């Protein structure tokens, strides 16, 4: 707390800028993680659709990829 009391009014803009910079960095890192996870999930869904289609073919059930998407 002693350090906070020693700060002058002129330090506030720099502190605010630093805080916003770190928040932006964190936001960008989280956005990248979310995007990667969404891409991975999309690949898993595509694999699942393919496996379901293969299983249906093995079982003798006729299907199209359009039927699986609905």
PDB file of N, CA and C in Angstrom:
ATOM      1  N   UNK A   1       0.807  -1.188   0.000  1.00  0.00           N
ATOM      2  CA  UNK A   1       0.000   0.000   0.000  1.00  0.00           C
ATOM      3  C   UNK A   1       0.852   1.254   0.000  1.00  0.00           C
ATOM      4  N   UNK A   2       2.032   1.171   0.564  1.00  0.00           N
ATOM      5  CA  UNK A   2       2.907   2.339   0.603  1.00  0.00           C
ATOM      6  C   UNK A   2       3.269   2.789  -0.806  1.00  0.00           C
ATOM      7  N   UNK A   3       3.454   1.831  -1.710  1.00  0.00           N
ATOM      8  CA  UNK A   3       3.813   2.175  -3.079  1.00  0.00           C
ATOM      9  C   UNK A   3       2.661   2.901  -3.765  1.00  0.00           C
ATOM     10  N   UNK A   4       1.428   2.491  -3.477  1.00  0.00           N
ATOM     11  CA  UNK A   4       0.271   3.137  -4.097  1.00  0.00           C
ATOM     12  C   UNK A   4       0.146   4.573  -3.623  1.00  0.00           C
ATOM     13  N   UNK A   5       0.476   4.828  -2.382  1.00  0.00           N
ATOM     14  CA  UNK A   5       0.404   6.181  -1.853  1.00  0.00           C
ATOM     15  C   UNK A   5       1.470   7.078  -2.447  1.00  0.00           C
ATOM     16  N   UNK A   6       2.566   6.516  -2.896  1.00  0.00           N
ATOM     17  CA  UNK A   6       3.668   7.295  -3.440  1.00  0.00           C
ATOM     18  C   UNK A   6       3.436   7.678  -4.896  1.00  0.00           C
ATOM     19  N   UNK A   7       2.410   7.123  -5.514  1.00  0.00           N
ATOM     20  CA  UNK A   7       2.136   7.434  -6.910  1.00  0.00           C
ATOM     21  C   UNK A   7       1.526   8.821  -7.035  1.00  0.00           C
ATOM     22  N   UNK A   8       1.958   9.524  -8.030  1.00  0.00           N
ATOM     23  CA  UNK A   8       1.400  10.845  -8.287  1.00  0.00           C
ATOM     24  C   UNK A   8       0.293  10.762  -9.320  1.00  0.00           C
ATOM     25  N   UNK A   9      -0.436  11.845  -9.465  1.00  0.00           N
ATOM     26  CA  UNK A   9      -1.520  11.889 -10.439  1.00  0.00           C
ATOM     27  C   UNK A   9      -0.988  11.704 -11.861  1.00  0.00           C
ATOM     28  N   UNK A  10       0.249  12.085 -12.089  1.00  0.00           N
ATOM     29  CA  UNK A  10       0.841  11.937 -13.416  1.00  0.00           C
ATOM     30  C   UNK A  10       1.125  10.493 -13.782  1.00  0.00           C
ATOM     31  N   UNK A  11       1.174   9.610 -12.785  1.00  0.00           N
ATOM     32  CA  UNK A  11       1.437   8.189 -13.039  1.00  0.00           C
ATOM     33  C   UNK A  11       0.188   7.443 -13.494  1.00  0.00           C
ATOM     34  N   UNK A  12      -0.983   7.970 -13.207  1.00  0.00           N
ATOM     35  CA  UNK A  12      -2.227   7.267 -13.508  1.00  0.00           C
ATOM     36  C   UNK A  12      -2.417   6.960 -14.995  1.00  0.00           C
ATOM     37  N   UNK A  13      -2.160   7.891 -15.900  1.00  0.00           N
ATOM     38  CA  UNK A  13      -2.329   7.552 -17.320  1.00  0.00           C
ATOM     39  C   UNK A  13      -1.421   6.398 -17.762  1.00  0.00           C
ATOM     40  N   UNK A  14      -0.191   6.364 -17.285  1.00  0.00           N
ATOM     41  CA  UNK A  14       0.724   5.285 -17.656  1.00  0.00           C
ATOM     42  C   UNK A  14       0.255   3.963 -17.067  1.00  0.00           C
ATOM     43  N   UNK A  15      -0.223   3.987 -15.825  1.00  0.00           N
ATOM     44  CA  UNK A  15      -0.748   2.768 -15.198  1.00  0.00           C
ATOM     45  C   UNK A  15      -1.967   2.252 -15.954  1.00  0.00           C
ATOM     46  N   UNK A  16      -2.842   3.169 -16.342  1.00  0.00           N
ATOM     47  CA  UNK A  16      -4.033   2.784 -17.099  1.00  0.00           C
ATOM     48  C   UNK A  16      -3.640   2.198 -18.454  1.00  0.00           C
ATOM     49  N   UNK A  17      -2.675   2.815 -19.106  1.00  0.00           N
ATOM     50  CA  UNK A  17      -2.213   2.311 -20.407  1.00  0.00           C
ATOM     51  C   UNK A  17      -1.611   0.912 -20.265  1.00  0.00           C
ATOM     52  N   UNK A  18      -0.801   0.711 -19.229  1.00  0.00           N
ATOM     53  CA  UNK A  18      -0.208  -0.609 -18.988  1.00  0.00           C
ATOM     54  C   UNK A  18      -1.284  -1.653 -18.721  1.00  0.00           C
ATOM     55  N   UNK A  19      -2.284  -1.286 -17.916  1.00  0.00           N
ATOM     56  CA  UNK A  19      -3.374  -2.203 -17.610  1.00  0.00           C
ATOM     57  C   UNK A  19      -4.125  -2.586 -18.877  1.00  0.00           C
ATOM     58  N   UNK A  20      -4.447  -1.597 -19.701  1.00  0.00           N
ATOM     59  CA  UNK A  20      -5.162  -1.880 -20.956  1.00  0.00           C
ATOM     60  C   UNK A  20      -4.326  -2.742 -21.894  1.00  0.00           C
ATOM     61  N   UNK A  21      -3.029  -2.498 -21.929  1.00  0.00           N
ATOM     62  CA  UNK A  21      -2.143  -3.301 -22.773  1.00  0.00           C
ATOM     63  C   UNK A  21      -2.166  -4.768 -22.331  1.00  0.00           C
ATOM     64  N   UNK A  22      -2.060  -4.998 -21.016  1.00  0.00           N
ATOM     65  CA  UNK A  22      -2.065  -6.371 -20.509  1.00  0.00           C
ATOM     66  C   UNK A  22      -3.429  -7.035 -20.707  1.00  0.00           C
ATOM     67  N   UNK A  23      -4.481  -6.271 -20.547  1.00  0.00           N
ATOM     68  CA  UNK A  23      -5.815  -6.821 -20.799  1.00  0.00           C
ATOM     69  C   UNK A  23      -5.965  -7.216 -22.265  1.00  0.00           C
ATOM     70  N   UNK A  24      -5.458  -6.388 -23.166  1.00  0.00           N
ATOM     71  CA  UNK A  24      -5.537  -6.708 -24.593  1.00  0.00           C
ATOM     72  C   UNK A  24      -4.727  -7.961 -24.914  1.00  0.00           C
ATOM     73  N   UNK A  25      -3.532  -8.073 -24.340  1.00  0.00           N
ATOM     74  CA  UNK A  25      -2.715  -9.277 -24.547  1.00  0.00           C
ATOM     75  C   UNK A  25      -3.453 -10.524 -24.082  1.00  0.00           C
ATOM     76  N   UNK A  26      -4.038 -10.455 -22.894  1.00  0.00           N
ATOM     77  CA  UNK A  26      -4.776 -11.601 -22.353  1.00  0.00           C
ATOM     78  C   UNK A  26      -5.980 -11.933 -23.224  1.00  0.00           C
ATOM     79  N   UNK A  27      -6.689 -10.917 -23.677  1.00  0.00           N
ATOM     80  CA  UNK A  27      -7.850 -11.134 -24.530  1.00  0.00           C
ATOM     81  C   UNK A  27      -7.452 -11.808 -25.834  1.00  0.00           C
ATOM     82  N   UNK A  28      -6.359 -11.347 -26.443  1.00  0.00           N
ATOM     83  CA  UNK A  28      -5.893 -11.939 -27.700  1.00  0.00           C
ATOM     84  C   UNK A  28      -5.463 -13.391 -27.498  1.00  0.00           C
ATOM     85  N   UNK A  29      -4.789 -13.688 -26.388  1.00  0.00           N
ATOM     86  CA  UNK A  29      -4.364 -15.059 -26.108  1.00  0.00           C
ATOM     87  C   UNK A  29      -5.575 -15.962 -25.911  1.00  0.00           C
ATOM     88  N   UNK A  30      -6.567 -15.488 -25.174  1.00  0.00           N
ATOM     89  CA  UNK A  30      -7.777 -16.282 -24.964  1.00  0.00           C
ATOM     90  C   UNK A  30      -8.551 -16.464 -26.262  1.00  0.00           C
ATOM     91  N   UNK A  31      -8.608 -15.428 -27.076  1.00  0.00           N
ATOM     92  CA  UNK A  31      -9.292 -15.529 -28.372  1.00  0.00           C
ATOM     93  C   UNK A  31      -8.630 -16.584 -29.247  1.00  0.00           C
ATOM     94  N   UNK A  32      -7.311 -16.602 -29.240  1.00  0.00           N
ATOM     95  CA  UNK A  32      -6.581 -17.593 -30.035  1.00  0.00           C
ATOM     96  C   UNK A  32      -6.867 -19.010 -29.530  1.00  0.00           C
ATOM     97  N   UNK A  33      -6.874 -19.181 -28.218  1.00  0.00           N
ATOM     98  CA  UNK A  33      -7.182 -20.496 -27.644  1.00  0.00           C
ATOM     99  C   UNK A  33      -8.580 -20.951 -28.024  1.00  0.00           C
ATOM    100  N   UNK A  34      -9.537 -20.037 -27.935  1.00  0.00           N
ATOM    101  CA  UNK A  34     -10.919 -20.383 -28.270  1.00  0.00           C
ATOM    102  C   UNK A  34     -11.026 -20.764 -29.734  1.00  0.00           C
ATOM    103  N   UNK A  35     -10.374 -20.006 -30.609  1.00  0.00           N
ATOM    104  CA  UNK A  35     -10.409 -20.304 -32.040  1.00  0.00           C
ATOM    105  C   UNK A  35      -9.821 -21.682 -32.321  1.00  0.00           C
ATOM    106  N   UNK A  36      -8.681 -21.997 -31.693  1.00  0.00           N
ATOM    107  CA  UNK A  36      -8.078 -23.311 -31.889  1.00  0.00           C
ATOM    108  C   UNK A  36      -8.990 -24.425 -31.397  1.00  0.00           C
ATOM    109  N   UNK A  37      -9.603 -24.228 -30.253  1.00  0.00           N
ATOM    110  CA  UNK A  37     -10.516 -25.244 -29.710  1.00  0.00           C
ATOM    111  C   UNK A  37     -11.722 -25.441 -30.623  1.00  0.00           C
ATOM    112  N   UNK A  38     -12.232 -24.345 -31.187  1.00  0.00           N
ATOM    113  CA  UNK A  38     -13.367 -24.454 -32.099  1.00  0.00           C
ATOM    114  C   UNK A  38     -12.974 -25.217 -33.357  1.00  0.00           C
ATOM    115  N   UNK A  39     -11.773 -24.966 -33.870  1.00  0.00           N
ATOM    116  CA  UNK A  39     -11.302 -25.696 -35.050  1.00  0.00           C
ATOM    117  C   UNK A  39     -11.147 -27.176 -34.730  1.00  0.00           C
ATOM    118  N   UNK A  40     -10.599 -27.494 -33.557  1.00  0.00           N
ATOM    119  CA  UNK A  40     -10.461 -28.887 -33.151  1.00  0.00           C
ATOM    120  C   UNK A  40     -11.829 -29.553 -33.038  1.00  0.00           C
ATOM    121  N   UNK A  41     -12.784 -28.847 -32.454  1.00  0.00           N
ATOM    122  CA  UNK A  41     -14.127 -29.401 -32.309  1.00  0.00           C
ATOM    123  C   UNK A  41     -14.758 -29.634 -33.673  1.00  0.00           C
ATOM    124  N   UNK A  42     -14.547 -28.710 -34.607  1.00  0.00           N
ATOM    125  CA  UNK A  42     -15.068 -28.895 -35.955  1.00  0.00           C
ATOM    126  C   UNK A  42     -14.491 -30.133 -36.619  1.00  0.00           C
ATOM    127  N   UNK A  43     -13.195 -30.375 -36.436  1.00  0.00           N
ATOM    128  CA  UNK A  43     -12.563 -31.570 -36.993  1.00  0.00           C
ATOM    129  C   UNK A  43     -13.131 -32.830 -36.356  1.00  0.00           C
ATOM    130  N   UNK A  44     -13.372 -32.786 -35.048  1.00  0.00           N
ATOM    131  CA  UNK A  44     -13.943 -33.948 -34.361  1.00  0.00           C
ATOM    132  C   UNK A  44     -15.356 -34.238 -34.856  1.00  0.00           C
ATOM    133  N   UNK A  45     -16.125 -33.191 -35.081  1.00  0.00           N
ATOM    134  CA  UNK A  45     -17.485 -33.379 -35.581  1.00  0.00           C
ATOM    135  C   UNK A  45     -17.459 -33.996 -36.969  1.00  0.00           C
ATOM    136  N   UNK A  46     -16.556 -33.510 -37.821  1.00  0.00           N
ATOM    137  CA  UNK A  46     -16.437 -34.079 -39.161  1.00  0.00           C
ATOM    138  C   UNK A  46     -16.047 -35.552 -39.089  1.00  0.00           C
ATOM    139  N   UNK A  47     -15.104 -35.895 -38.201  1.00  0.00           N
ATOM    140  CA  UNK A  47     -14.711 -37.299 -38.026  1.00  0.00           C
ATOM    141  C   UNK A  47     -15.885 -38.134 -37.542  1.00  0.00           C
ATOM    142  N   UNK A  48     -16.646 -37.600 -36.605  1.00  0.00           N
ATOM    143  CA  UNK A  48     -17.803 -38.313 -36.083  1.00  0.00           C
ATOM    144  C   UNK A  48     -18.833 -38.555 -37.176  1.00  0.00           C
ATOM    145  N   UNK A  49     -19.089 -37.538 -37.997  1.00  0.00           N
ATOM    146  CA  UNK A  49     -20.031 -37.695 -39.105  1.00  0.00           C
ATOM    147  C   UNK A  49     -19.558 -38.789 -40.056  1.00  0.00           C
ATOM    148  N   UNK A  50     -18.255 -38.824 -40.348  1.00  0.00           N
ATOM    149  CA  UNK A  50     -17.715 -39.843 -41.239  1.00  0.00           C
ATOM    150  C   UNK A  50     -17.876 -41.237 -40.631  1.00  0.00           C
ATOM    151  N   UNK A  51     -17.581 -41.366 -39.347  1.00  0.00           N
ATOM    152  CA  UNK A  51     -17.707 -42.671 -38.688  1.00  0.00           C
ATOM    153  C   UNK A  51     -19.159 -43.134 -38.640  1.00  0.00           C
ATOM    154  N   UNK A  52     -20.078 -42.220 -38.395  1.00  0.00           N
ATOM    155  CA  UNK A  52     -21.499 -42.581 -38.383  1.00  0.00           C
ATOM    156  C   UNK A  52     -21.913 -43.046 -39.779  1.00  0.00           C
ATOM    157  N   UNK A  53     -21.463 -42.328 -40.801  1.00  0.00           N
ATOM    158  CA  UNK A  53     -21.790 -42.725 -42.175  1.00  0.00           C
ATOM    159  C   UNK A  53     -21.205 -44.098 -42.488  1.00  0.00           C
ATOM    160  N   UNK A  54     -19.975 -44.358 -42.049  1.00  0.00           N
ATOM    161  CA  UNK A  54     -19.355 -45.671 -42.271  1.00  0.00           C
ATOM    162  C   UNK A  54     -20.129 -46.773 -41.559  1.00  0.00           C
ATOM    163  N   UNK A  55     -20.532 -46.507 -40.320  1.00  0.00           N
ATOM    164  CA  UNK A  55     -21.300 -47.500 -39.566  1.00  0.00           C
ATOM    165  C   UNK A  55     -22.649 -47.772 -40.216  1.00  0.00           C
ATOM    166  N   UNK A  56     -23.276 -46.710 -40.721  1.00  0.00           N
ATOM    167  CA  UNK A  56     -24.564 -46.900 -41.386  1.00  0.00           C
ATOM    168  C   UNK A  56     -24.393 -47.716 -42.664  1.00  0.00           C
ATOM    169  N   UNK A  57     -23.302 -47.485 -43.368  1.00  0.00           N
ATOM    170  CA  UNK A  57     -23.027 -48.254 -44.587  1.00  0.00           C
ATOM    171  C   UNK A  57     -22.807 -49.723 -44.234  1.00  0.00           C
ATOM    172  N   UNK A  58     -22.031 -49.978 -43.189  1.00  0.00           N
ATOM    173  CA  UNK A  58     -21.788 -51.347 -42.750  1.00  0.00           C
ATOM    174  C   UNK A  58     -23.087 -52.034 -42.330  1.00  0.00           C
ATOM    175  N   UNK A  59     -23.995 -51.280 -41.762  1.00  0.00           N
ATOM    176  CA  UNK A  59     -25.262 -51.847 -41.308  1.00  0.00           C
ATOM    177  C   UNK A  59     -26.267 -51.982 -42.443  1.00  0.00           C
ATOM    178  N   UNK A  60     -25.907 -51.501 -43.625  1.00  0.00           N
ATOM    179  CA  UNK A  60     -26.788 -51.611 -44.772  1.00  0.00           C
ATOM    180  C   UNK A  60     -27.842 -50.525 -44.837  1.00  0.00           C
ATOM    181  N   UNK A  61     -27.620 -49.468 -44.129  1.00  0.00           N
ATOM    182  CA  UNK A  61     -28.565 -48.351 -44.146  1.00  0.00           C
ATOM    183  C   UNK A  61     -28.052 -47.318 -45.141  1.00  0.00           C
ATOM    184  N   UNK A  62     -28.923 -46.962 -46.093  1.00  0.00           N
ATOM    185  CA  UNK A  62     -28.525 -45.974 -47.091  1.00  0.00           C
ATOM    186  C   UNK A  62     -28.646 -44.590 -46.487  1.00  0.00           C
ATOM    187  N   UNK A  63     -27.676 -43.742 -46.767  1.00  0.00           N
ATOM    188  CA  UNK A  63     -27.710 -42.377 -46.256  1.00  0.00           C
ATOM    189  C   UNK A  63     -26.880 -41.472 -47.141  1.00  0.00           C
ATOM    190  N   UNK A  64     -27.074 -40.201 -46.929  1.00  0.00           N
ATOM    191  CA  UNK A  64     -26.239 -39.199 -47.581  1.00  0.00           C
ATOM    192  C   UNK A  64     -25.679 -38.293 -46.507  1.00  0.00           C
ATOM    193  N   UNK A  65     -24.650 -37.572 -46.814  1.00  0.00           N
ATOM    194  CA  UNK A  65     -24.089 -36.635 -45.848  1.00  0.00           C
ATOM    195  C   UNK A  65     -25.109 -35.554 -45.471  1.00  0.00           C
ATOM    196  N   UNK A  66     -26.008 -35.204 -46.399  1.00  0.00           N
ATOM    197  CA  UNK A  66     -27.032 -34.207 -46.096  1.00  0.00           C
ATOM    198  C   UNK A  66     -27.962 -34.700 -44.996  1.00  0.00           C
ATOM    199  N   UNK A  67     -28.306 -35.993 -45.002  1.00  0.00           N
ATOM    200  CA  UNK A  67     -29.172 -36.537 -43.964  1.00  0.00           C
ATOM    201  C   UNK A  67     -28.517 -36.450 -42.605  1.00  0.00           C
ATOM    202  N   UNK A  68     -27.200 -36.646 -42.545  1.00  0.00           N
ATOM    203  CA  UNK A  68     -26.486 -36.603 -41.259  1.00  0.00           C
ATOM    204  C   UNK A  68     -26.436 -35.194 -40.695  1.00  0.00           C
ATOM    205  N   UNK A  69     -26.488 -34.179 -41.542  1.00  0.00           N
ATOM    206  CA  UNK A  69     -26.376 -32.805 -41.083  1.00  0.00           C
ATOM    207  C   UNK A  69     -27.670 -32.272 -40.490  1.00  0.00           C
ATOM    208  N   UNK A  70     -28.782 -32.952 -40.706  1.00  0.00           N
ATOM    209  CA  UNK A  70     -30.059 -32.445 -40.182  1.00  0.00           C
ATOM    210  C   UNK A  70     -30.384 -33.078 -38.907  1.00  0.00           C
TER     211      UNK A  70
END
